Amino acid sequence: MTTTPPDQPAPGVHRRVFGHMPDGRAVEAVTLANAHGISTTVIAYGATLQSVIVPDREGVAADVTLGYATLEAYLAQSQYLGSSIGRVANRIAGGRFVLDGTEYYVPCNNGPNALHGGPGGFDKALWEVTGVSSAPHPAVTLAHTSPDGDEGFPGTLRVTATYALDDAGNLAITYRAETDRPTIVNLTNHAYWNLAGEGAASGAVDHVLTIPADHFLPTDETAIPTGAFAEVTATPFDFREPTVIGARVRDASHPQIRIGTGYDHNWVVARERSAVPRLVARLEHAASGRSLEVLSTEPGVQFYSGNFLDGSSIGKAGQCYRMGDGIALEPQMFPDTPNQPAFGSIRLEPGEIYTHRLVFALRGG
């Protein structure tokens, strides 16, 4: 069963109140709609991509990203469905990093490590809608200020997230950040995709995935990269050619599949950031004809096969989200970069502007 999307909105920008925080603050929802039946809704809580509606080859629309129907469900769960992630995406070993000789600690919320900015990361913040526009494309900008010491990170960080949808179906997300003290930043979006339609009984493991990467980052038992750049050749991590996700997601012969209970690893598309977004992944669903290309200025992409969706949360279609019901493709700098100099740097200085440009290129059948 999949959701029956509401009548598609007219092209443009549509605003409404999605719900209210426990302290009474209103949480806005902004829907961006193009002229070809594709629409996306962003809610201010977590600058979250709440829905993405795309027609199939027969013109039948479905919501292809996992999420909740109510604000209360987002507040009750912590699965990062569609959330903007910061200050630092992915894991920091032991929640510890050193900057200019000073040790900083982020509260650990993933076993012995800090994950996605700690328990009070940007996914838990109520962002402010600071601007909407209809030209040249429907777009919304949200802003959030993270104070000095927030979750242990130094410096006051001012962040914006701009979502824009064009008539070709390209959903562009631009993250920008500025700081008043040296700090570290690694922002991304944590959308979960099911091109059959969220809630579909088939899940997403029948999708065909391509990742143009010769290497991936193996991890220890706590999902922290070992520091090695491992070749994908002759492993279940080789997605250089289109491959059905389910073909190897449970290949227990490979120790990294056992560690991740499936895929939860970072692929090395490049070693450095790019000035313009480049392809980091392509996802296809044969039955519907829908496809998704993910492009980013970042060198890595975390592919997570939804291994820990355990049926405890109910999605927009009224169905339990189970293992493999959605997959995440999160472009980013490499996990634990602050503690692994070979991975590069995520340092941001006062006067600099951090920018991550990300595109979800959505196509119907």
Protein backbone atom coordinates (compact mmCIF):
# COMPACT_ATOMS: atom_id res chain seq x y z
CA MET A 1 0.00 0.00 0.00
CA THR A 2 1.22 3.49 -0.80
CA THR A 3 -0.18 6.86 0.05
CA THR A 4 -2.75 8.46 -2.20
CA PRO A 5 -1.27 11.93 -2.62
CA PRO A 6 -3.60 14.88 -2.45
CA ASP A 7 -4.47 16.72 -5.63
CA GLN A 8 -1.29 18.24 -6.92
CA PRO A 9 -0.97 21.90 -6.01
CA ALA A 10 -0.72 24.57 -8.66
CA PRO A 11 2.86 25.39 -9.68
CA GLY A 12 4.49 27.74 -7.22
CA VAL A 13 4.96 28.04 -3.45
CA HIS A 14 2.32 27.15 -0.85
CA ARG A 15 2.65 27.81 2.90
CA ARG A 16 0.70 26.40 5.84
CA VAL A 17 1.12 25.52 9.50
CA PHE A 18 2.21 21.89 9.92
CA GLY A 19 1.87 21.84 13.72
CA HIS A 20 3.03 23.47 16.92
CA MET A 21 6.02 22.79 19.15
CA PRO A 22 5.33 21.91 22.80
CA ASP A 23 6.05 25.55 23.69
CA GLY A 24 3.43 26.75 21.20
CA ARG A 25 5.71 27.90 18.37
CA ALA A 26 4.22 27.28 14.94
CA VAL A 27 6.04 24.93 12.55
CA GLU A 28 5.59 25.96 8.95
CA ALA A 29 5.30 23.64 5.95
CA VAL A 30 6.27 25.01 2.54
CA THR A 31 5.31 23.11 -0.60
CA LEU A 32 7.19 23.72 -3.85
CA ALA A 33 5.37 22.53 -6.98
CA ASN A 34 6.48 22.50 -10.61
CA ALA A 35 4.42 22.34 -13.79
CA HIS A 36 4.93 18.61 -14.33
CA GLY A 37 3.34 16.99 -11.31
CA ILE A 38 6.37 16.99 -9.00
CA SER A 39 6.08 18.66 -5.61
CA THR A 40 8.12 18.71 -2.42
CA THR A 41 7.19 19.80 1.08
CA VAL A 42 9.73 21.11 3.57
CA ILE A 43 8.87 21.61 7.24
CA ALA A 44 10.70 24.07 9.47
CA TYR A 45 11.37 21.45 12.16
CA GLY A 46 14.82 20.20 11.24
CA ALA A 47 14.59 21.95 7.82
CA THR A 48 13.15 18.55 6.91
CA LEU A 49 12.15 17.20 3.51
CA GLN A 50 8.76 15.83 4.56
CA SER A 51 7.41 14.65 1.21
CA VAL A 52 8.41 14.33 -2.44
CA ILE A 53 5.61 13.49 -4.87
CA VAL A 54 6.57 12.16 -8.31
CA PRO A 55 4.39 10.60 -11.06
CA ASP A 56 5.26 7.19 -12.52
CA ARG A 57 5.31 6.28 -16.22
CA GLU A 58 1.49 6.12 -16.19
CA GLY A 59 1.22 9.53 -14.58
CA VAL A 60 0.19 8.08 -11.21
CA ALA A 61 1.72 10.12 -8.39
CA ALA A 62 3.29 8.71 -5.23
CA ASP A 63 5.23 10.09 -2.28
CA VAL A 64 8.72 8.66 -2.70
CA THR A 65 10.42 9.75 0.53
CA LEU A 66 9.85 8.40 4.02
CA GLY A 67 8.41 10.68 6.67
CA TYR A 68 5.58 11.29 9.09
CA ALA A 69 2.13 12.78 8.68
CA THR A 70 2.27 14.83 11.90
CA LEU A 71 4.74 16.97 13.81
CA GLU A 72 4.08 14.89 16.93
CA ALA A 73 5.53 11.84 15.16
CA TYR A 74 8.70 13.76 14.22
CA LEU A 75 9.08 14.92 17.82
CA ALA A 76 8.61 11.38 19.14
CA GLN A 77 11.09 9.68 16.78
CA SER A 78 14.77 10.25 16.04
CA GLN A 79 15.35 8.55 12.71
CA TYR A 80 16.43 11.66 10.76
CA LEU A 81 13.79 11.10 8.06
CA GLY A 82 14.52 13.89 5.56
CA SER A 83 16.28 16.03 8.17
CA SER A 84 19.02 18.57 7.63
CA ILE A 85 22.01 17.20 9.54
CA GLY A 86 24.58 19.28 11.43
CA ARG A 87 26.85 20.58 12.66
CA VAL A 88 28.65 17.43 11.61
CA ALA A 89 27.00 14.66 9.64
CA ASN A 90 27.81 11.05 10.45
CA ARG A 91 30.03 9.92 13.34
CA ILE A 92 32.77 11.45 15.45
CA ALA A 93 34.74 8.78 17.31
CA GLY A 94 34.19 9.04 21.03
CA GLY A 95 32.45 12.36 20.45
CA ARG A 96 35.92 13.93 20.70
CA PHE A 97 37.94 16.17 18.42
CA VAL A 98 40.85 18.61 18.81
CA LEU A 99 40.90 22.08 17.27
CA ASP A 100 43.88 24.40 17.73
CA GLY A 101 45.10 22.30 20.65
CA THR A 102 41.79 22.36 22.53
CA GLU A 103 39.74 19.20 23.07
CA TYR A 104 36.01 19.40 22.42
CA TYR A 105 33.36 16.83 23.28
CA VAL A 106 30.03 16.20 21.58
CA PRO A 107 27.55 14.09 23.59
CA CYS A 108 27.64 10.48 22.38
CA ASN A 109 24.29 9.31 21.03
CA ASN A 110 25.32 6.27 18.97
CA GLY A 111 27.01 3.83 21.30
CA PRO A 112 30.49 5.22 22.07
CA ASN A 113 30.29 7.84 19.30
CA ALA A 114 28.54 11.10 18.45
CA LEU A 115 26.19 10.86 15.46
CA HIS A 116 24.77 13.63 13.26
CA GLY A 117 25.74 16.50 15.54
CA GLY A 118 24.78 14.84 18.83
CA PRO A 119 21.40 14.33 20.48
CA GLY A 120 20.49 17.99 19.99
CA GLY A 121 21.63 18.34 16.40
CA PHE A 122 20.13 20.54 13.70
CA ASP A 123 17.47 17.90 12.98
CA LYS A 124 15.90 18.81 16.36
CA ALA A 125 15.94 22.59 15.81
CA LEU A 126 13.02 24.73 14.72
CA TRP A 127 14.42 26.63 11.75
CA GLU A 128 12.98 29.95 10.60
CA VAL A 129 11.48 30.36 7.15
CA THR A 130 13.26 33.53 6.01
CA GLY A 131 12.21 33.70 2.38
CA VAL A 132 10.10 32.15 -0.37
CA SER A 133 10.02 32.90 -4.08
CA SER A 134 8.36 31.61 -7.24
CA ALA A 135 10.86 32.91 -9.79
CA PRO A 136 12.82 31.62 -11.50
CA HIS A 137 11.72 28.46 -9.65
CA PRO A 138 9.72 27.74 -6.50
CA ALA A 139 12.13 28.03 -3.56
CA VAL A 140 12.27 28.40 0.20
CA THR A 141 15.12 29.43 2.48
CA LEU A 142 15.31 28.46 6.15
CA ALA A 143 17.80 29.72 8.74
CA HIS A 144 19.13 28.49 12.05
CA THR A 145 21.68 29.94 14.50
CA SER A 146 23.67 27.46 16.57
CA PRO A 147 25.21 29.26 19.57
CA ASP A 148 28.79 28.90 20.74
CA GLY A 149 29.06 25.64 22.70
CA ASP A 150 25.94 24.10 21.18
CA GLU A 151 26.36 20.31 21.57
CA GLY A 152 29.98 21.05 22.49
CA PHE A 153 30.98 22.72 19.21
CA PRO A 154 32.91 26.02 19.32
CA GLY A 155 31.71 29.21 17.66
CA THR A 156 28.34 30.70 16.83
CA LEU A 157 27.31 29.15 13.52
CA ARG A 158 24.72 30.78 11.28
CA VAL A 159 23.26 28.33 8.78
CA THR A 160 20.83 28.54 5.88
CA ALA A 161 19.20 25.81 3.82
CA THR A 162 17.63 26.73 0.48
CA TYR A 163 15.40 24.27 -1.37
CA ALA A 164 14.51 25.01 -5.01
CA LEU A 165 12.52 22.86 -7.47
CA ASP A 166 12.75 23.40 -11.23
CA ASP A 167 10.49 22.19 -14.04
CA ALA A 168 12.86 19.36 -14.93
CA GLY A 169 12.36 17.84 -11.46
CA ASN A 170 15.69 18.90 -10.00
CA LEU A 171 15.39 19.58 -6.28
CA ALA A 172 18.46 21.64 -5.39
CA ILE A 173 19.46 22.07 -1.75
CA THR A 174 22.12 24.60 -0.85
CA TYR A 175 23.54 24.65 2.66
CA ARG A 176 25.60 27.65 3.74
CA ALA A 177 27.23 28.43 7.08
CA GLU A 178 29.34 31.17 8.67
CA THR A 179 31.10 31.19 12.04
CA ASP A 180 32.63 33.73 14.41
CA ARG A 181 35.28 31.26 15.69
CA PRO A 182 37.14 28.37 14.10
CA THR A 183 34.84 25.35 14.14
CA ILE A 184 33.98 22.23 12.12
CA VAL A 185 31.04 21.82 9.72
CA ASN A 186 29.73 18.97 7.55
CA LEU A 187 26.08 19.42 6.53
CA THR A 188 23.82 17.10 4.52
CA ASN A 189 20.25 15.96 4.02
CA HIS A 190 19.11 12.58 5.34
CA ALA A 191 16.21 11.76 3.03
CA TYR A 192 15.13 8.12 2.80
CA TRP A 193 13.95 7.06 -0.66
CA ASN A 194 11.50 4.46 -1.91
CA LEU A 195 10.72 5.13 -5.57
CA ALA A 196 7.85 2.63 -5.47
CA GLY A 197 6.13 4.98 -3.00
CA GLU A 198 6.68 5.17 0.74
CA GLY A 199 4.78 2.37 2.44
CA ALA A 200 5.06 0.09 -0.61
CA ALA A 201 5.13 -3.56 0.43
CA SER A 202 8.16 -4.26 -1.78
CA GLY A 203 10.37 -1.85 0.15
CA ALA A 204 13.38 -0.33 -1.60
CA VAL A 205 15.83 -3.22 -1.82
CA ASP A 206 14.56 -4.09 -5.31
CA HIS A 207 15.86 -0.73 -6.57
CA VAL A 208 18.89 -0.60 -8.84
CA LEU A 209 21.77 1.49 -7.47
CA THR A 210 24.86 2.93 -9.13
CA ILE A 211 27.68 4.63 -7.19
CA PRO A 212 30.65 5.81 -9.32
CA ALA A 213 33.30 5.05 -6.71
CA ASP A 214 36.36 2.80 -6.82
CA HIS A 215 36.80 2.83 -3.02
CA PHE A 216 34.76 2.76 0.16
CA LEU A 217 35.62 3.30 3.82
CA PRO A 218 35.56 0.12 5.91
CA THR A 219 34.67 0.62 9.57
CA ASP A 220 35.29 -0.88 12.96
CA GLU A 221 32.54 -2.53 14.99
CA THR A 222 31.22 0.89 16.07
CA ALA A 223 30.91 2.19 12.47
CA ILE A 224 33.97 4.46 12.70
CA PRO A 225 36.18 4.29 9.56
CA THR A 226 39.42 2.42 10.08
CA GLY A 227 41.28 4.98 7.95
CA ALA A 228 41.72 2.63 4.99
CA PHE A 229 40.50 3.36 1.49
CA ALA A 230 39.37 -0.11 0.39
CA GLU A 231 38.86 -1.07 -3.24
CA VAL A 232 35.33 -2.10 -4.14
CA THR A 233 36.48 -4.60 -6.78
CA ALA A 234 35.18 -8.13 -6.14
CA THR A 235 33.21 -7.04 -3.06
CA PRO A 236 29.52 -6.41 -2.31
CA PHE A 237 30.47 -2.71 -2.28
CA ASP A 238 31.00 -2.50 -6.03
CA PHE A 239 28.14 -0.44 -7.45
CA ARG A 240 30.07 0.98 -10.39
CA GLU A 241 27.64 -0.90 -12.61
CA PRO A 242 23.87 -0.76 -11.91
CA THR A 243 23.15 -3.39 -9.23
CA VAL A 244 20.01 -4.45 -7.39
CA ILE A 245 20.48 -3.47 -3.74
CA GLY A 246 18.95 -6.69 -2.44
CA ALA A 247 21.36 -8.87 -4.39
CA ARG A 248 24.13 -8.47 -1.79
CA VAL A 249 22.73 -6.53 1.13
CA ARG A 250 22.74 -9.66 3.31
CA ASP A 251 26.00 -11.15 2.05
CA ALA A 252 27.30 -12.37 5.41
CA SER A 253 30.50 -13.63 3.79
CA HIS A 254 31.81 -10.07 3.86
CA PRO A 255 32.71 -8.83 7.36
CA GLN A 256 31.69 -5.24 6.57
CA ILE A 257 28.16 -6.34 5.70
CA ARG A 258 28.00 -8.12 9.05
CA ILE A 259 29.27 -5.04 10.90
CA GLY A 260 26.70 -2.75 9.27
CA THR A 261 23.85 -5.28 9.28
CA GLY A 262 23.77 -4.38 5.59
CA TYR A 263 25.10 -1.22 4.01
CA ASP A 264 25.96 1.75 6.24
CA HIS A 265 29.22 2.94 4.74
CA ASN A 266 30.79 5.87 2.95
CA TRP A 267 31.78 5.57 -0.71
CA VAL A 268 34.73 7.64 -1.96
CA VAL A 269 33.55 9.33 -5.15
CA ALA A 270 36.54 11.72 -5.02
CA ARG A 271 39.18 12.86 -2.55
CA GLU A 272 38.29 16.56 -2.57
CA ARG A 273 35.28 18.83 -2.82
CA SER A 274 34.11 20.04 -6.22
CA ALA A 275 33.13 23.55 -7.29
CA VAL A 276 29.97 22.20 -8.96
CA PRO A 277 27.75 19.24 -8.07
CA ARG A 278 28.82 15.92 -9.61
CA LEU A 279 27.06 12.57 -9.73
CA VAL A 280 27.51 10.54 -6.55
CA ALA A 281 24.66 8.03 -6.94
CA ARG A 282 21.81 6.96 -9.21
CA LEU A 283 18.73 5.04 -8.04
CA GLU A 284 16.21 3.38 -10.38
CA HIS A 285 12.90 1.55 -9.91
CA ALA A 286 11.98 -0.49 -12.96
CA ALA A 287 8.32 -1.13 -12.12
CA SER A 288 7.37 2.54 -11.86
CA GLY A 289 9.97 3.99 -14.20
CA ARG A 290 11.01 6.53 -11.57
CA SER A 291 14.65 7.40 -11.07
CA LEU A 292 16.76 9.61 -8.84
CA GLU A 293 20.21 11.02 -9.44
CA VAL A 294 22.10 12.49 -6.49
CA LEU A 295 24.68 15.16 -7.28
CA SER A 296 26.86 16.97 -4.76
CA THR A 297 29.92 19.12 -4.30
CA GLU A 298 31.10 16.75 -1.53
CA PRO A 299 33.52 13.83 -2.16
CA GLY A 300 31.75 11.09 -0.18
CA VAL A 301 28.30 9.57 -0.07
CA GLN A 302 26.94 7.51 2.81
CA PHE A 303 24.69 4.71 1.55
CA TYR A 304 22.47 3.35 4.31
CA SER A 305 20.10 0.52 3.44
CA GLY A 306 17.64 1.19 6.25
CA ASN A 307 18.97 -1.66 8.36
CA PHE A 308 17.58 -0.41 11.67
CA LEU A 309 14.07 0.51 10.57
CA ASP A 310 12.38 -1.91 12.94
CA GLY A 311 8.63 -1.38 12.51
CA SER A 312 8.38 0.90 15.53
CA SER A 313 7.42 4.00 13.52
CA ILE A 314 4.38 4.56 11.32
CA GLY A 315 4.84 6.44 8.06
CA LYS A 316 2.55 8.67 6.04
CA ALA A 317 0.83 5.69 4.39
CA GLY A 318 -0.11 4.25 7.80
CA GLN A 319 2.39 1.43 7.37
CA CYS A 320 5.21 0.36 9.69
CA TYR A 321 8.66 1.20 8.39
CA ARG A 322 10.69 -2.03 8.34
CA MET A 323 14.25 -2.91 7.43
CA GLY A 324 14.88 -1.92 3.81
CA ASP A 325 11.67 0.10 3.38
CA GLY A 326 13.76 3.12 2.42
CA ILE A 327 17.40 3.83 1.64
CA ALA A 328 19.45 6.94 2.38
CA LEU A 329 22.08 8.49 0.10
CA GLU A 330 23.82 11.24 2.10
CA PRO A 331 26.53 13.26 0.32
CA GLN A 332 29.12 14.58 2.76
CA MET A 333 32.74 14.83 3.77
CA PHE A 334 34.03 11.56 5.17
CA PRO A 335 32.95 10.30 8.62
CA ASP A 336 35.23 11.14 11.57
CA THR A 337 37.26 13.54 9.41
CA PRO A 338 38.25 15.69 12.44
CA ASN A 339 40.17 12.71 13.84
CA GLN A 340 41.55 11.38 10.54
CA PRO A 341 43.83 13.89 8.76
CA ALA A 342 44.08 11.67 5.66
CA PHE A 343 40.39 12.37 5.03
CA GLY A 344 40.91 16.11 4.59
CA SER A 345 39.40 18.89 6.69
CA ILE A 346 35.97 20.17 7.67
CA ARG A 347 37.37 23.24 9.44
CA LEU A 348 35.57 26.55 8.92
CA GLU A 349 37.23 29.88 9.71
CA PRO A 350 35.63 33.25 10.47
CA GLY A 351 35.18 35.16 7.22
CA GLU A 352 34.76 31.96 5.17
CA ILE A 353 31.45 30.65 3.86
CA TYR A 354 30.85 26.90 3.99
CA THR A 355 28.74 25.78 1.03
CA HIS A 356 27.35 22.37 0.17
CA ARG A 357 25.34 22.21 -3.05
CA LEU A 358 23.23 19.07 -3.38
CA VAL A 359 20.77 18.09 -6.13
CA PHE A 360 18.15 15.36 -6.04
CA ALA A 361 17.30 14.98 -9.75
CA LEU A 362 13.87 13.32 -9.80
CA ARG A 363 12.39 11.78 -12.92
CA GLY A 364 9.01 10.14 -13.48
CA GLY A 365 8.44 7.20 -15.75
